[in-house]
Amino acid sequence: MHDYLIVGSGLFASVFAHEAKKQGKSVLVLERRNHIGGNVYCEEKEGIRIHKYGAHIFHTDYKDVWDYVNQFVDFNNYVNSPIANYNGELYNLPFNMNTFSKMWGVATPAEAAAIIDEQRKVITGKPKNLEEQAISLVGTDIYTKLIKGYTEKQWGRSCVDLPAFIIQRLPVRYTFDNNYFNDRYQGIPIGGYNKLVNALLDGIEVRLGVDYNLQRKEYQEIAETVVYTGAIDAYFDYCLGPLEYRSLRFETERMEEENHQGVAVMNYTDWETPYTRSIEHKHFDFGKQSVTYVTKEYPADWKPGDEAYYPVNDDKNQKLYARYAELAKKEKNVIFGGRLAEYKYYDMDDVIKRALDVSRDIFRR
């Protein structure tokens, strides 16, 4: 018997497991993949740590979360400054004076603001869809070149068919600042995310290759409480129907060159390029190896059994999730937490904070 059976080994699961062990609790972790770490797992090749499930840049404004992760691993000073590639035209992200200067040849914030304000006027009244919402925030040129194609590839549907709330706000800076995040703390773990997760799960039994939803009978009586971080609809065997997600497909290529694209993350914002991003992993660690690895990230339709990356948070799916959440409340001795269990896109710091809040609430009782 264990006090806690934890399903999954991503950040929510690993933080909760660590906090439970600190309280003297007996913990068993089940992971359906052949490695721990969830989507932050890195695969090392020739000294280059490859972000196997897409780029993960840690950033936070929570000092307590920053102090927490720094107990386990030091962070480098990597700053996320992606580039947008629109049919070979390169623009700085997020939208800032470097972007506006390249797009319109302007030199002052006042000139850039005047163009954006004029272009916003084509939208009158409350925006009815994502396209109208985006134009109302940043104007037609930025929308057309840097938002429309990327977004439609990402979600697999036209921007006029996507709800406005997906883009509630867009960063527009009238300064020459290419730092994508405004957060106070930012970086990549020195030694990779595996080092962080290994430290969190140190001394805890982990069983790999175990799909809890398929092998539930085997583990039904093994622990007093289950902490479930998998997909909530899968837990209930899709009894109310499947929630919708977008998935991703990755193609990684080894290249005999030291520096292929000059930046860790390049977004492809035109429709002609079938992938949304290319990631040159060595730049996360300022690598100087004589070879490089570049991953192309392709959005993909999702079906049950595929890896789920992005919840489709439209009204229909939110209503369905609310029904699953009601079922979850009735489950005895089961804690649902994390991106899939809560059908919510979490940044890494938010999921760590959520896990800490849940665990502290439980262990204070």
Protein backbone atom coordinates (compact mmCIF):
# COMPACT_ATOMS: atom_id res chain seq x y z
CA MET A 1 0.00 0.00 0.00
CA HIS A 2 1.03 3.59 -0.70
CA ASP A 3 -0.35 6.87 0.51
CA TYR A 4 -0.38 8.30 -3.02
CA LEU A 5 -0.52 6.79 -6.47
CA ILE A 6 0.44 9.50 -8.95
CA VAL A 7 -0.54 9.05 -12.57
CA GLY A 8 1.92 10.84 -14.84
CA SER A 9 5.38 12.30 -14.26
CA GLY A 10 5.14 15.81 -15.69
CA LEU A 11 5.65 18.92 -13.63
CA PHE A 12 2.39 18.80 -11.67
CA ALA A 13 2.88 15.13 -10.81
CA SER A 14 6.58 15.47 -9.99
CA VAL A 15 6.12 18.51 -7.74
CA PHE A 16 3.23 16.89 -5.88
CA ALA A 17 5.23 13.66 -5.49
CA HIS A 18 8.19 15.58 -4.08
CA GLU A 19 6.03 17.48 -1.61
CA ALA A 20 4.28 14.29 -0.49
CA LYS A 21 7.59 12.52 0.07
CA LYS A 22 8.79 15.50 2.15
CA GLN A 23 5.80 14.88 4.40
CA GLY A 24 6.88 11.27 4.90
CA LYS A 25 4.23 9.88 2.56
CA SER A 26 4.73 6.74 0.52
CA VAL A 27 4.45 7.55 -3.19
CA LEU A 28 4.29 5.48 -6.37
CA VAL A 29 4.42 7.18 -9.79
CA LEU A 30 3.03 5.55 -12.94
CA GLU A 31 4.13 6.89 -16.33
CA ARG A 32 2.70 5.60 -19.60
CA ARG A 33 5.69 6.79 -21.67
CA ASN A 34 9.15 5.22 -21.52
CA HIS A 35 10.61 8.26 -19.74
CA ILE A 36 9.72 10.67 -16.96
CA GLY A 37 9.14 14.41 -17.29
CA GLY A 38 6.07 14.64 -19.49
CA ASN A 39 6.42 17.19 -22.26
CA VAL A 40 9.50 18.89 -20.76
CA TYR A 41 11.58 15.75 -21.37
CA CYS A 42 14.82 16.34 -23.27
CA GLU A 43 16.75 13.81 -25.37
CA GLU A 44 20.51 14.32 -25.56
CA LYS A 45 22.43 13.81 -28.81
CA GLU A 46 26.07 14.79 -29.29
CA GLY A 47 25.91 17.09 -26.28
CA ILE A 48 22.78 18.87 -27.53
CA ARG A 49 19.61 18.62 -25.44
CA ILE A 50 16.64 18.24 -27.78
CA HIS A 51 13.28 19.44 -26.48
CA LYS A 52 11.45 16.33 -27.66
CA TYR A 53 7.93 17.74 -27.31
CA GLY A 54 8.48 21.31 -28.44
CA ALA A 55 10.34 24.32 -27.10
CA HIS A 56 10.03 24.92 -23.35
CA ILE A 57 11.39 28.21 -21.99
CA PHE A 58 10.93 28.70 -18.27
CA HIS A 59 9.68 32.13 -17.25
CA THR A 60 7.83 33.41 -14.21
CA ASP A 61 6.94 36.42 -12.11
CA TYR A 62 6.39 34.20 -9.06
CA LYS A 63 9.44 34.58 -6.82
CA ASP A 64 8.35 31.60 -4.72
CA VAL A 65 8.19 29.38 -7.83
CA TRP A 66 11.57 30.66 -9.05
CA ASP A 67 13.14 29.97 -5.65
CA TYR A 68 11.50 26.55 -5.57
CA VAL A 69 12.90 25.30 -8.90
CA ASN A 70 16.32 26.77 -8.13
CA GLN A 71 16.58 24.37 -5.18
CA PHE A 72 17.01 21.59 -7.69
CA VAL A 73 18.81 23.10 -10.68
CA ASP A 74 20.53 26.31 -11.71
CA PHE A 75 19.20 28.24 -14.71
CA ASN A 76 21.15 29.92 -17.49
CA ASN A 77 20.34 33.44 -18.73
CA TYR A 78 18.62 32.44 -21.98
CA VAL A 79 16.16 35.11 -23.18
CA ASN A 80 13.42 34.11 -25.58
CA SER A 81 13.60 36.33 -28.68
CA PRO A 82 11.91 34.39 -31.51
CA ILE A 83 11.86 35.42 -35.15
CA ALA A 84 8.81 35.37 -37.43
CA ASN A 85 9.41 34.23 -41.00
CA TYR A 86 6.74 35.37 -43.47
CA ASN A 87 7.63 34.08 -46.94
CA GLY A 88 11.29 34.85 -46.27
CA GLU A 89 10.68 38.23 -44.62
CA LEU A 90 12.06 38.16 -41.07
CA TYR A 91 10.44 40.06 -38.21
CA ASN A 92 11.23 40.31 -34.52
CA LEU A 93 8.74 39.02 -31.96
CA PRO A 94 6.92 40.07 -29.90
CA PHE A 95 5.50 43.01 -31.86
CA ASN A 96 7.83 45.90 -31.06
CA MET A 97 9.62 48.81 -32.70
CA ASN A 98 12.02 46.45 -34.50
CA THR A 99 8.97 44.72 -36.03
CA PHE A 100 7.31 48.00 -37.02
CA SER A 101 10.50 49.48 -38.46
CA LYS A 102 10.98 46.44 -40.69
CA MET A 103 7.34 46.32 -41.75
CA TRP A 104 6.69 50.03 -42.42
CA GLY A 105 10.08 51.78 -42.37
CA VAL A 106 9.05 53.89 -39.38
CA ALA A 107 11.55 55.19 -36.83
CA THR A 108 9.44 56.48 -33.94
CA PRO A 109 6.75 55.02 -31.65
CA ALA A 110 4.36 57.78 -32.69
CA GLU A 111 4.63 56.77 -36.37
CA ALA A 112 4.02 53.10 -35.55
CA ALA A 113 1.08 53.86 -33.25
CA ALA A 114 -0.53 56.06 -35.90
CA ILE A 115 -0.44 53.25 -38.48
CA ILE A 116 -1.84 50.67 -36.07
CA ASP A 117 -4.58 53.01 -34.86
CA GLU A 118 -5.64 53.76 -38.43
CA GLN A 119 -5.76 50.07 -39.37
CA ARG A 120 -7.77 49.17 -36.27
CA LYS A 121 -10.64 51.33 -37.50
CA VAL A 122 -11.80 48.68 -39.98
CA ILE A 123 -13.31 46.84 -37.00
CA THR A 124 -16.36 48.49 -35.50
CA GLY A 125 -18.33 47.12 -32.59
CA LYS A 126 -17.42 44.12 -30.49
CA PRO A 127 -15.15 41.63 -32.35
CA LYS A 128 -17.12 38.53 -33.36
CA ASN A 129 -14.22 36.17 -34.04
CA LEU A 130 -10.46 35.83 -33.69
CA GLU A 131 -9.74 37.71 -36.92
CA GLU A 132 -11.71 40.75 -35.84
CA GLN A 133 -10.25 40.59 -32.35
CA ALA A 134 -6.67 40.49 -33.66
CA ILE A 135 -7.20 43.35 -36.12
CA SER A 136 -8.83 45.44 -33.40
CA LEU A 137 -5.66 45.01 -31.33
CA VAL A 138 -2.79 45.25 -33.85
CA GLY A 139 -4.20 46.31 -37.23
CA THR A 140 -4.43 44.57 -40.58
CA ASP A 141 -0.75 44.35 -41.62
CA ILE A 142 0.50 42.60 -38.50
CA TYR A 143 -2.54 40.35 -38.49
CA THR A 144 -2.10 39.34 -42.13
CA LYS A 145 1.64 38.70 -42.00
CA LEU A 146 2.33 37.55 -38.46
CA ILE A 147 -0.89 36.12 -37.00
CA LYS A 148 -3.31 34.76 -39.60
CA GLY A 149 -1.32 31.94 -41.22
CA TYR A 150 0.35 30.77 -38.01
CA THR A 151 -2.93 30.70 -36.11
CA GLU A 152 -4.88 28.92 -38.82
CA LYS A 153 -2.20 26.26 -39.12
CA GLN A 154 -2.06 25.89 -35.34
CA TRP A 155 -5.80 25.41 -34.86
CA GLY A 156 -6.66 23.80 -38.18
CA ARG A 157 -9.45 26.23 -38.99
CA SER A 158 -10.02 29.72 -40.32
CA CYS A 159 -9.55 32.65 -37.97
CA VAL A 160 -13.12 33.74 -38.70
CA ASP A 161 -14.28 30.41 -37.26
CA LEU A 162 -12.23 30.76 -34.06
CA PRO A 163 -13.66 32.54 -31.00
CA ALA A 164 -12.40 36.02 -30.23
CA PHE A 165 -11.38 35.16 -26.66
CA ILE A 166 -8.47 32.96 -27.85
CA ILE A 167 -6.59 36.23 -28.45
CA GLN A 168 -7.71 38.39 -25.56
CA ARG A 169 -4.64 40.56 -25.82
CA LEU A 170 -1.49 40.75 -27.94
CA PRO A 171 1.81 42.25 -26.82
CA VAL A 172 2.44 45.53 -28.64
CA ARG A 173 5.55 47.36 -27.48
CA TYR A 174 6.59 50.76 -28.67
CA THR A 175 10.18 50.05 -27.61
CA PHE A 176 13.05 48.21 -29.30
CA ASP A 177 12.70 45.19 -27.01
CA ASN A 178 12.83 41.64 -28.42
CA ASN A 179 12.45 39.86 -25.06
CA TYR A 180 9.26 37.86 -25.62
CA PHE A 181 8.35 37.62 -21.95
CA ASN A 182 7.77 40.40 -19.46
CA ASP A 183 8.40 38.08 -16.53
CA ARG A 184 11.10 38.92 -14.02
CA TYR A 185 12.76 35.48 -14.14
CA GLN A 186 13.64 33.52 -17.28
CA GLY A 187 16.04 30.82 -18.42
CA ILE A 188 16.71 27.18 -19.26
CA PRO A 189 17.83 24.67 -16.59
CA ILE A 190 21.58 24.09 -16.82
CA GLY A 191 21.76 20.40 -17.58
CA GLY A 192 18.22 20.37 -18.98
CA TYR A 193 14.73 19.78 -17.67
CA ASN A 194 15.52 16.11 -17.01
CA LYS A 195 17.82 17.25 -14.24
CA LEU A 196 14.95 19.15 -12.61
CA VAL A 197 12.47 16.27 -12.84
CA ASN A 198 15.04 13.69 -11.70
CA ALA A 199 15.70 15.80 -8.62
CA LEU A 200 11.99 16.16 -7.87
CA LEU A 201 11.46 12.39 -8.13
CA ASP A 202 14.66 11.40 -6.33
CA GLY A 203 13.98 8.47 -4.01
CA ILE A 204 10.46 7.89 -5.39
CA GLU A 205 9.48 4.66 -7.14
CA VAL A 206 8.52 5.23 -10.79
CA ARG A 207 7.10 2.58 -13.09
CA LEU A 208 7.41 3.36 -16.79
CA GLY A 209 5.26 2.03 -19.62
CA VAL A 210 2.15 1.77 -17.43
CA ASP A 211 -1.12 3.14 -18.83
CA TYR A 212 -3.24 3.65 -15.73
CA ASN A 213 -6.50 3.92 -17.65
CA LEU A 214 -5.90 0.52 -19.26
CA GLN A 215 -4.49 -1.14 -16.13
CA ARG A 216 -6.66 0.47 -13.48
CA LYS A 217 -7.87 -2.79 -11.95
CA GLU A 218 -4.28 -3.80 -11.25
CA TYR A 219 -3.65 -0.60 -9.28
CA GLN A 220 -7.10 -0.02 -7.80
CA GLU A 221 -6.23 -0.98 -4.22
CA ILE A 222 -2.58 0.04 -4.16
CA ALA A 223 -2.93 3.51 -2.63
CA GLU A 224 -5.25 5.51 -0.43
CA THR A 225 -5.35 8.47 -2.83
CA VAL A 226 -4.82 8.82 -6.58
CA VAL A 227 -3.35 11.99 -8.08
CA TYR A 228 -4.41 11.89 -11.71
CA THR A 229 -2.72 14.14 -14.28
CA GLY A 230 -3.87 12.46 -17.49
CA ALA A 231 -6.73 13.50 -19.76
CA ILE A 232 -9.92 13.85 -17.76
CA ASP A 233 -12.14 12.45 -20.52
CA ALA A 234 -9.90 9.39 -20.84
CA TYR A 235 -10.22 8.77 -17.09
CA PHE A 236 -13.98 8.47 -17.55
CA ASP A 237 -13.56 6.39 -20.73
CA TYR A 238 -14.98 9.24 -22.84
CA CYS A 239 -18.44 8.49 -21.43
CA LEU A 240 -19.67 11.99 -22.30
CA GLY A 241 -17.74 12.11 -25.57
CA PRO A 242 -14.13 13.16 -26.23
CA LEU A 243 -12.88 16.65 -25.56
CA GLU A 244 -11.10 18.23 -28.53
CA TYR A 245 -7.37 18.95 -28.67
CA ARG A 246 -4.80 19.92 -31.22
CA SER A 247 -1.82 17.66 -31.55
CA LEU A 248 1.71 18.13 -32.92
CA ARG A 249 4.08 16.14 -35.09
CA PHE A 250 7.85 16.68 -34.92
CA GLU A 251 10.55 16.08 -37.51
CA THR A 252 14.12 16.43 -36.24
CA GLU A 253 17.08 16.68 -38.61
CA ARG A 254 20.78 16.48 -37.84
CA MET A 255 22.78 19.04 -39.82
CA GLU A 256 26.51 19.20 -40.44
CA GLU A 257 26.82 22.85 -39.55
CA GLU A 258 27.44 24.81 -36.39
CA ASN A 259 24.58 27.28 -36.73
CA HIS A 260 21.60 26.76 -39.02
CA GLN A 261 19.09 29.54 -38.30
CA GLY A 262 20.80 31.78 -35.75
CA VAL A 263 17.95 31.62 -33.23
CA ALA A 264 16.40 28.93 -31.04
CA VAL A 265 12.82 29.45 -32.25
CA MET A 266 11.65 30.65 -35.65
CA ASN A 267 7.90 30.93 -36.32
CA TYR A 268 6.65 30.42 -39.88
CA THR A 269 3.64 32.69 -40.23
CA ASP A 270 2.76 32.15 -43.90
CA TRP A 271 0.35 29.46 -45.08
CA GLU A 272 2.74 28.04 -47.67
CA THR A 273 5.10 26.59 -45.03
CA PRO A 274 3.35 23.53 -43.58
CA TYR A 275 5.02 23.71 -40.16
CA THR A 276 4.56 26.46 -37.58
CA ARG A 277 8.00 26.53 -35.97
CA SER A 278 11.55 25.34 -36.39
CA ILE A 279 13.59 24.87 -33.22
CA GLU A 280 17.39 24.82 -33.19
CA HIS A 281 17.93 23.29 -29.77
CA LYS A 282 21.59 24.11 -29.16
CA HIS A 283 20.80 27.84 -28.88
CA PHE A 284 18.87 27.21 -25.64
CA ASP A 285 22.21 26.27 -24.05
CA PHE A 286 24.49 28.53 -26.15
CA GLY A 287 26.04 25.40 -27.66
CA LYS A 288 29.18 25.50 -29.78
CA GLN A 289 29.06 21.97 -31.18
CA SER A 290 30.15 21.46 -34.78
CA VAL A 291 26.75 19.90 -35.64
CA THR A 292 23.21 20.99 -34.92
CA TYR A 293 19.72 19.50 -34.59
CA VAL A 294 16.66 21.32 -35.92
CA THR A 295 13.08 20.25 -35.25
CA LYS A 296 10.15 21.25 -37.42
CA GLU A 297 6.84 21.42 -35.57
CA TYR A 298 3.72 20.47 -37.54
CA PRO A 299 0.22 21.01 -36.12
CA ALA A 300 -1.96 17.93 -36.44
CA ASP A 301 -5.54 16.85 -35.94
CA TRP A 302 -6.10 14.87 -32.75
CA LYS A 303 -8.00 11.70 -31.98
CA PRO A 304 -8.15 9.64 -28.77
CA GLY A 305 -4.84 7.85 -28.34
CA ASP A 306 -2.77 10.68 -29.87
CA GLU A 307 -0.69 13.03 -27.76
CA ALA A 308 -2.88 15.97 -26.72
CA TYR A 309 -1.11 19.33 -26.63
CA TYR A 310 -3.59 22.20 -26.86
CA PRO A 311 -7.15 22.09 -25.53
CA VAL A 312 -9.67 23.59 -27.94
CA ASN A 313 -11.17 26.00 -25.44
CA ASP A 314 -14.25 26.98 -27.40
CA ASP A 315 -17.68 27.19 -25.83
CA LYS A 316 -18.70 23.66 -26.80
CA ASN A 317 -15.62 22.06 -25.26
CA GLN A 318 -15.74 24.19 -22.11
CA LYS A 319 -19.31 23.05 -21.51
CA LEU A 320 -18.29 19.42 -22.00
CA TYR A 321 -15.31 19.85 -19.67
CA ALA A 322 -17.62 21.32 -17.02
CA ARG A 323 -19.66 18.11 -17.12
CA TYR A 324 -16.53 16.00 -16.72
CA ALA A 325 -15.42 18.25 -13.86
CA GLU A 326 -18.70 17.50 -12.09
CA LEU A 327 -18.00 13.78 -12.43
CA ALA A 328 -14.49 14.36 -11.07
CA LYS A 329 -15.87 16.02 -7.95
CA LYS A 330 -17.79 12.82 -7.16
CA GLU A 331 -14.71 10.60 -7.36
CA LYS A 332 -13.60 9.58 -3.89
CA ASN A 333 -9.91 9.98 -3.01
CA VAL A 334 -8.91 11.19 -6.48
CA ILE A 335 -7.17 14.51 -7.10
CA PHE A 336 -7.28 15.82 -10.67
CA GLY A 337 -4.48 18.23 -11.55
CA GLY A 338 -2.43 19.56 -14.44
CA ARG A 339 -2.91 20.53 -18.04
CA LEU A 340 -4.83 17.46 -19.24
CA ALA A 341 -6.81 16.75 -16.09
CA GLU A 342 -8.00 20.36 -15.87
CA TYR A 343 -8.34 20.83 -19.66
CA LYS A 344 -6.32 24.01 -19.44
CA TYR A 345 -3.17 25.28 -21.12
CA TYR A 346 -0.67 25.93 -18.34
CA ASP A 347 2.67 27.68 -18.55
CA MET A 348 5.29 25.75 -16.60
CA ASP A 349 5.39 28.17 -13.70
CA ASP A 350 1.61 28.12 -13.37
CA VAL A 351 1.44 24.33 -13.26
CA ILE A 352 4.21 24.25 -10.62
CA LYS A 353 2.38 26.87 -8.57
CA ARG A 354 -0.86 24.93 -8.91
CA ALA A 355 0.82 21.72 -7.73
CA LEU A 356 2.39 23.53 -4.76
CA ASP A 357 -0.93 25.14 -3.81
CA VAL A 358 -2.80 21.81 -3.98
CA SER A 359 -0.16 19.91 -2.02
CA ARG A 360 0.19 22.60 0.65
CA ASP A 361 -3.57 22.74 1.08
CA ILE A 362 -3.71 18.98 1.59
CA PHE A 363 -0.75 18.71 3.93
CA ARG A 364 -1.93 21.61 6.09
CA ARG A 365 -5.04 19.67 7.05
